[in-house]
Protein backbone atom coordinates (compact mmCIF):
# COMPACT_ATOMS: atom_id res chain seq x y z
CA UNK A 1 -68.58 22.74 98.97
CA UNK A 2 -65.91 24.13 96.65
CA UNK A 3 -65.01 22.62 93.30
CA UNK A 4 -61.53 21.91 94.69
CA UNK A 5 -63.01 19.92 97.61
CA UNK A 6 -65.26 17.93 95.28
CA UNK A 7 -62.34 17.16 93.00
CA UNK A 8 -60.20 16.13 95.97
CA UNK A 9 -62.89 13.77 97.28
CA UNK A 10 -63.33 12.28 93.82
CA UNK A 11 -59.58 11.68 93.59
CA UNK A 12 -59.54 10.02 97.00
CA UNK A 13 -62.47 7.79 95.95
CA UNK A 14 -60.75 6.74 92.71
CA UNK A 15 -57.51 5.97 94.54
CA UNK A 16 -59.45 4.00 97.16
CA UNK A 17 -61.21 1.94 94.50
CA UNK A 18 -57.91 1.29 92.75
CA UNK A 19 -56.34 0.09 96.01
CA UNK A 20 -59.39 -2.08 96.72
CA UNK A 21 -59.13 -3.66 93.28
CA UNK A 22 -55.41 -4.23 93.73
CA UNK A 23 -56.12 -5.86 97.08
CA UNK A 24 -58.67 -8.21 95.51
CA UNK A 25 -56.17 -9.20 92.83
CA UNK A 26 -53.44 -9.80 95.41
CA UNK A 27 -55.62 -12.32 97.25
CA UNK A 28 -57.44 -13.72 94.20
CA UNK A 29 -58.51 -16.47 94.02
CA UNK A 30 -59.44 -17.50 97.54
CA UNK A 31 -62.00 -20.15 96.55
CA UNK A 32 -62.97 -22.18 93.42
CA UNK A 33 -63.70 -20.37 90.15
CA UNK A 34 -66.42 -21.46 87.73
CA UNK A 35 -65.80 -21.35 83.97
CA UNK A 36 -69.01 -21.53 81.92
CA UNK A 37 -68.95 -23.07 78.44
CA UNK A 38 -72.29 -22.25 76.79
CA UNK A 39 -72.41 -25.34 74.58
CA UNK A 40 -72.40 -29.10 75.04
CA UNK A 41 -69.45 -31.03 76.44
CA UNK A 42 -66.93 -32.09 73.83
CA UNK A 43 -67.31 -28.99 71.69
CA UNK A 44 -64.62 -26.35 71.08
CA UNK A 45 -65.68 -24.01 73.91
CA UNK A 46 -65.71 -26.92 76.37
CA UNK A 47 -62.31 -28.05 75.03
CA UNK A 48 -60.72 -24.63 75.59
CA UNK A 49 -62.43 -24.14 78.96
CA UNK A 50 -61.06 -27.44 80.26
CA UNK A 51 -57.55 -26.73 78.99
CA UNK A 52 -57.56 -23.38 80.78
CA UNK A 53 -59.21 -24.74 83.92
CA UNK A 54 -56.43 -27.31 84.28
CA UNK A 55 -53.63 -24.77 83.87
CA UNK A 56 -55.20 -22.06 86.02
CA UNK A 57 -55.84 -24.58 88.80
CA UNK A 58 -52.18 -25.57 88.73
CA UNK A 59 -50.81 -22.05 88.61
CA UNK A 60 -53.17 -20.10 90.89
CA UNK A 61 -53.64 -22.59 93.72
CA UNK A 62 -57.44 -22.86 93.57
CA UNK A 63 -59.74 -25.11 91.59
CA UNK A 64 -61.04 -23.74 88.29
CA UNK A 65 -63.88 -25.97 87.12
CA UNK A 66 -66.07 -26.10 84.02
CA UNK A 67 -69.84 -26.12 83.76
CA UNK A 68 -71.52 -26.63 80.37
CA UNK A 69 -74.79 -24.76 79.95
CA UNK A 70 -76.00 -25.43 76.41
CA UNK A 71 -79.08 -24.04 74.73
CA UNK A 72 -80.52 -21.14 72.72
CA UNK A 73 -77.40 -20.75 70.59
CA UNK A 74 -75.26 -20.18 73.67
CA UNK A 75 -77.58 -17.53 75.13
CA UNK A 76 -78.38 -19.54 78.27
CA UNK A 77 -74.79 -19.88 79.43
CA UNK A 78 -73.74 -16.40 78.31
CA UNK A 79 -76.67 -14.75 80.08
CA UNK A 80 -75.90 -16.69 83.25
CA UNK A 81 -72.41 -15.20 83.29
CA UNK A 82 -73.68 -11.70 82.43
CA UNK A 83 -75.86 -11.81 85.54
CA UNK A 84 -73.15 -13.19 87.83
CA UNK A 85 -71.30 -11.18 90.44
CA UNK A 86 -68.35 -9.25 88.92
CA UNK A 87 -65.83 -10.68 91.35
CA UNK A 88 -63.68 -12.92 89.15
CA UNK A 89 -65.29 -16.15 90.34
CA UNK A 90 -67.41 -16.69 87.23
CA UNK A 91 -65.77 -16.76 83.81
CA UNK A 92 -67.03 -17.46 80.29
CA UNK A 93 -65.40 -19.21 77.35
CA UNK A 94 -67.60 -18.28 74.40
CA UNK A 95 -67.57 -19.05 70.71
CA UNK A 96 -68.56 -16.73 67.87
CA UNK A 97 -72.22 -16.94 68.88
CA UNK A 98 -71.23 -14.20 71.34
CA UNK A 99 -70.77 -11.76 68.44
CA UNK A 100 -73.54 -13.18 66.23
CA UNK A 101 -76.51 -13.39 68.60
CA UNK A 102 -76.96 -9.63 69.15
CA UNK A 103 -77.87 -9.38 65.44
CA UNK A 104 -79.56 -12.76 65.06
CA UNK A 105 -81.99 -12.44 67.97
CA UNK A 106 -84.68 -9.74 67.95
CA UNK A 107 -84.20 -9.36 71.70
CA UNK A 108 -80.78 -10.63 72.69
CA UNK A 109 -80.70 -11.35 76.45
CA UNK A 110 -77.27 -9.75 76.91
CA UNK A 111 -75.31 -6.76 75.65
CA UNK A 112 -71.83 -7.79 74.48
CA UNK A 113 -70.37 -4.40 75.44
CA UNK A 114 -72.24 -3.50 78.62
CA UNK A 115 -72.52 -6.93 80.27
CA UNK A 116 -69.03 -8.35 79.74
CA UNK A 117 -65.38 -7.44 80.07
CA UNK A 118 -63.05 -9.13 77.55
CA UNK A 119 -60.04 -11.00 78.93
CA UNK A 120 -58.42 -12.54 75.85
CA UNK A 121 -59.12 -14.14 72.50
CA UNK A 122 -57.71 -17.57 73.28
CA UNK A 123 -57.82 -18.68 69.67
CA UNK A 124 -59.86 -19.29 66.55
CA UNK A 125 -60.36 -22.11 64.12
CA UNK A 126 -61.93 -22.50 60.73
CA UNK A 127 -65.26 -24.17 60.18
CA UNK A 128 -65.50 -27.26 58.03
CA UNK A 129 -68.05 -28.90 55.77
CA UNK A 130 -68.27 -32.58 56.69
CA UNK A 131 -70.15 -35.58 55.31
CA UNK A 132 -71.02 -39.11 56.29
CA UNK A 133 -68.79 -41.49 54.28
CA UNK A 134 -71.86 -42.82 52.45
CA UNK A 135 -72.45 -39.46 50.73
CA UNK A 136 -71.27 -39.98 47.13
CA UNK A 137 -69.94 -36.44 46.63
CA UNK A 138 -66.31 -35.95 47.66
CA UNK A 139 -65.71 -32.33 46.58
CA UNK A 140 -67.63 -29.11 47.16
CA UNK A 141 -68.74 -28.81 43.54
CA UNK A 142 -69.85 -32.46 43.44
CA UNK A 143 -71.82 -31.86 46.64
CA UNK A 144 -73.48 -28.71 45.28
CA UNK A 145 -74.58 -30.61 42.17
CA UNK A 146 -75.86 -33.51 44.29
CA UNK A 147 -77.85 -31.23 46.57
CA UNK A 148 -79.31 -29.25 43.68
CA UNK A 149 -80.48 -32.49 42.08
CA UNK A 150 -82.02 -33.81 45.32
CA UNK A 151 -83.97 -31.05 47.12
CA UNK A 152 -84.69 -31.79 50.78
CA UNK A 153 -82.65 -35.00 50.91
CA UNK A 154 -79.38 -33.85 52.46
CA UNK A 155 -79.98 -32.27 55.86
CA UNK A 156 -77.13 -30.21 57.27
CA UNK A 157 -76.28 -30.38 60.98
CA UNK A 158 -74.78 -27.35 62.70
CA UNK A 159 -73.60 -26.40 66.18
CA UNK A 160 -76.70 -24.36 67.03
CA UNK A 161 -78.56 -21.18 66.26
CA UNK A 162 -76.30 -18.17 66.23
CA UNK A 163 -73.06 -20.09 65.68
CA UNK A 164 -70.84 -19.29 62.73
CA UNK A 165 -71.23 -22.87 61.40
CA UNK A 166 -75.00 -22.30 61.31
CA UNK A 167 -74.56 -19.00 59.47
CA UNK A 168 -71.96 -20.56 57.17
CA UNK A 169 -74.45 -23.26 56.19
CA UNK A 170 -77.19 -20.69 55.55
CA UNK A 171 -74.86 -18.58 53.42
CA UNK A 172 -73.77 -21.69 51.49
CA UNK A 173 -77.39 -22.67 50.80
CA UNK A 174 -78.30 -19.14 49.80
CA UNK A 175 -75.38 -18.64 47.41
CA UNK A 176 -75.98 -21.92 45.58
CA UNK A 177 -79.79 -22.01 45.86
CA UNK A 178 -79.82 -25.23 47.85
CA UNK A 179 -83.16 -26.41 49.22
CA UNK A 180 -81.93 -28.51 52.16
CA UNK A 181 -83.01 -28.47 55.82
CA UNK A 182 -80.67 -27.18 58.53
CA UNK A 183 -80.66 -29.02 61.86
CA UNK A 184 -79.30 -27.07 64.85
CA UNK A 185 -77.77 -28.99 67.78
CA UNK A 186 -76.61 -27.87 71.20
CA UNK A 187 -72.97 -27.64 70.19
CA UNK A 188 -70.35 -28.89 67.77
CA UNK A 189 -69.92 -32.31 69.36
CA UNK A 190 -73.61 -33.33 69.08
CA UNK A 191 -73.67 -32.08 65.48
CA UNK A 192 -70.60 -34.19 64.65
CA UNK A 193 -72.18 -37.24 66.28
CA UNK A 194 -75.35 -36.72 64.23
CA UNK A 195 -73.30 -36.91 61.01
CA UNK A 196 -71.32 -39.94 62.22
CA UNK A 197 -74.62 -41.72 62.98
CA UNK A 198 -76.00 -40.56 59.60
CA UNK A 199 -78.94 -38.87 61.30
CA UNK A 200 -77.95 -35.98 59.08
CA UNK A 201 -75.67 -36.78 56.13
CA UNK A 202 -73.91 -33.41 56.20
CA UNK A 203 -72.68 -30.86 58.71
CA UNK A 204 -71.12 -27.45 59.04
CA UNK A 205 -69.09 -27.52 62.26
CA UNK A 206 -65.97 -26.16 63.85
CA UNK A 207 -62.74 -28.04 63.21
CA UNK A 208 -62.15 -28.91 66.86
CA UNK A 209 -64.77 -31.65 67.44
CA UNK A 210 -64.58 -32.93 63.85
CA UNK A 211 -60.82 -33.40 63.46
CA UNK A 212 -60.29 -36.73 65.30
CA UNK A 213 -63.22 -38.35 63.47
CA UNK A 214 -61.97 -37.20 60.07
CA UNK A 215 -58.54 -38.62 60.87
CA UNK A 216 -60.19 -41.87 61.99
CA UNK A 217 -62.19 -42.11 58.76
CA UNK A 218 -65.65 -42.01 60.37
CA UNK A 219 -66.26 -38.61 58.74
CA UNK A 220 -65.29 -37.17 55.39
CA UNK A 221 -63.90 -33.65 55.44
CA UNK A 222 -65.04 -31.96 52.24
CA UNK A 223 -63.61 -28.46 52.73
CA UNK A 224 -62.41 -26.02 55.36
CA UNK A 225 -63.69 -22.45 55.29
CA UNK A 226 -60.31 -20.79 55.81
CA UNK A 227 -57.90 -19.06 53.44
CA UNK A 228 -55.40 -21.87 53.94
CA UNK A 229 -55.47 -25.52 54.97
CA UNK A 230 -55.40 -26.48 58.62
CA UNK A 231 -52.23 -28.04 60.01
CA UNK A 232 -54.50 -30.48 61.84
CA UNK A 233 -56.07 -31.68 58.56
CA UNK A 234 -53.50 -31.03 55.83
CA UNK A 235 -55.28 -33.33 53.37
CA UNK A 236 -58.58 -31.43 53.49
CA UNK A 237 -58.59 -28.62 50.90
CA UNK A 238 -60.13 -25.20 51.37
CA UNK A 239 -63.25 -24.13 49.54
CA UNK A 240 -61.19 -21.57 47.63
CA UNK A 241 -58.86 -24.32 46.38
CA UNK A 242 -61.95 -26.06 45.02
CA UNK A 243 -63.10 -22.98 43.15
CA UNK A 244 -65.77 -21.85 45.65
CA UNK A 245 -65.17 -18.36 47.01
CA UNK A 246 -66.89 -16.10 49.52
CA UNK A 247 -67.55 -18.83 52.12
CA UNK A 248 -64.82 -18.02 54.65
CA UNK A 249 -65.72 -18.21 58.34
CA UNK A 250 -64.08 -19.03 61.65
CA UNK A 251 -65.15 -19.77 65.19
CA UNK A 252 -63.47 -17.82 67.95
CA UNK A 253 -62.91 -19.00 71.50
CA UNK A 254 -62.83 -15.97 73.77
CA UNK A 255 -62.57 -15.55 77.53
CA UNK A 256 -64.81 -13.04 79.34
CA UNK A 257 -65.81 -12.02 82.84
CA UNK A 258 -68.87 -10.01 83.94
CA UNK A 259 -68.63 -6.26 83.42
CA UNK A 260 -67.45 -4.50 86.55
CA UNK A 261 -64.88 -7.15 87.46
CA UNK A 262 -61.90 -5.28 88.98
CA UNK A 263 -59.28 -4.50 86.36
CA UNK A 264 -56.43 -6.02 88.40
CA UNK A 265 -58.26 -9.38 88.34
CA UNK A 266 -58.82 -9.09 84.59
CA UNK A 267 -55.13 -8.30 84.11
CA UNK A 268 -54.12 -11.25 86.29
CA UNK A 269 -56.37 -13.65 84.38
CA UNK A 270 -55.06 -12.32 81.08
CA UNK A 271 -51.44 -12.86 82.12
CA UNK A 272 -52.07 -16.37 83.42
CA UNK A 273 -54.17 -17.46 80.42
CA UNK A 274 -51.68 -16.06 77.90
CA UNK A 275 -48.89 -17.86 79.76
CA UNK A 276 -50.87 -21.11 79.73
CA UNK A 277 -51.67 -20.85 76.03
CA UNK A 278 -47.99 -20.52 75.20
CA UNK A 279 -46.99 -23.69 77.03
CA UNK A 280 -45.83 -26.40 74.61
CA UNK A 281 -48.32 -29.05 75.74
CA UNK A 282 -51.26 -26.67 75.30
CA UNK A 283 -50.01 -25.55 71.91
CA UNK A 284 -49.72 -29.15 70.76
CA UNK A 285 -53.23 -30.02 71.93
CA UNK A 286 -54.64 -26.98 70.14
CA UNK A 287 -52.72 -27.78 66.97
CA UNK A 288 -54.14 -31.31 66.95
CA UNK A 289 -57.71 -29.97 66.82
CA UNK A 290 -57.04 -27.09 64.44
CA UNK A 291 -57.26 -24.25 66.96
CA UNK A 292 -54.91 -21.36 66.13
CA UNK A 293 -53.79 -19.67 69.36
CA UNK A 294 -54.09 -15.88 69.55
CA UNK A 295 -53.74 -14.95 73.26
CA UNK A 296 -54.08 -11.17 72.90
CA UNK A 297 -54.68 -8.32 75.35
CA UNK A 298 -58.13 -7.25 76.61
CA UNK A 299 -57.91 -4.08 74.50
CA UNK A 300 -57.00 -6.00 71.34
CA UNK A 301 -59.79 -8.48 71.98
CA UNK A 302 -62.29 -5.65 72.37
CA UNK A 303 -61.38 -4.38 68.89
CA UNK A 304 -61.83 -7.90 67.46
CA UNK A 305 -65.26 -8.22 69.08
CA UNK A 306 -66.49 -4.95 67.55
CA UNK A 307 -65.19 -5.97 64.12
CA UNK A 308 -66.82 -9.42 64.27
CA UNK A 309 -70.17 -8.05 65.46
CA UNK A 310 -70.22 -5.67 62.48
CA UNK A 311 -69.14 -8.41 60.07
CA UNK A 312 -71.79 -10.95 61.06
CA UNK A 313 -74.48 -8.29 61.24
CA UNK A 314 -73.79 -7.59 57.56
CA UNK A 315 -73.95 -11.31 56.69
CA UNK A 316 -77.30 -11.70 58.48
CA UNK A 317 -78.73 -8.64 56.73
CA UNK A 318 -77.33 -9.46 53.27
CA UNK A 319 -78.42 -13.11 53.47
CA UNK A 320 -81.85 -12.00 54.69
CA UNK A 321 -81.67 -14.38 57.63
CA UNK A 322 -84.79 -13.74 59.74
CA UNK A 323 -84.25 -12.67 63.32
CA UNK A 324 -85.22 -15.14 66.02
CA UNK A 325 -88.14 -13.79 68.05
């Protein structure tokens, strides 16, 4: 067979695949779509997944529903999606554990580049250091002094292994030589509840599940880990404002589908999600919980993922955080 014939057949195949993908997108969705949130209900990933499920159901004429699959720092839910059929009927809303776990786990059960296709970075929010109201320290420096004077007394809850709140707490302890236990939970909401119940007096969590409780007075917000204050909690200062630098971290909320999902379906989901995120009611709900909307393109999100993977790999190495076997 001549090179010309081979090239012609290859061109026909590519065109055929493109038409097939376009056909799938034209009919999509024809039945309900599952959105997996890999942490407990009530956390930031669950919050974003449910917002999007509601809007996509309204706008695309099929039910988009949420399933929470918590455990192993998000690995259980993320791996479930990685192994799902690449047909657009299984989606993932993942937090920053998606970009942390490949460096934190000795054998991560998924490859962030080979197993997933990015759809959009829905948004990101700062993490926050919280305390039960009974904790006498009200500023970061007061808390550091209190913890240094009382080794082992002030346990710190976090959203789970591999989350940026967990890494933020480990970095905080390392930088200030704090001998306090870390307690991982299956998501931000359980970690917040542990601090409210005073099971653990302190917590590093994402803003989203903590904000309503800080506003209600059942939690004390000591400091946010952003460069500027959150509009959702304007009275809570940043760590930098309190003279503590080098502790910045955020938690992303990104939307993915399994690798191999037809590009026309990815493009359709991106358009619909971006449109939903720019609706006033969604923007207001996100503002109330401290989630800054991004809503970028798949290509832009891919660049962000690579940057974040490199960033957190450096933190894990520099802080000498042992890999999870």
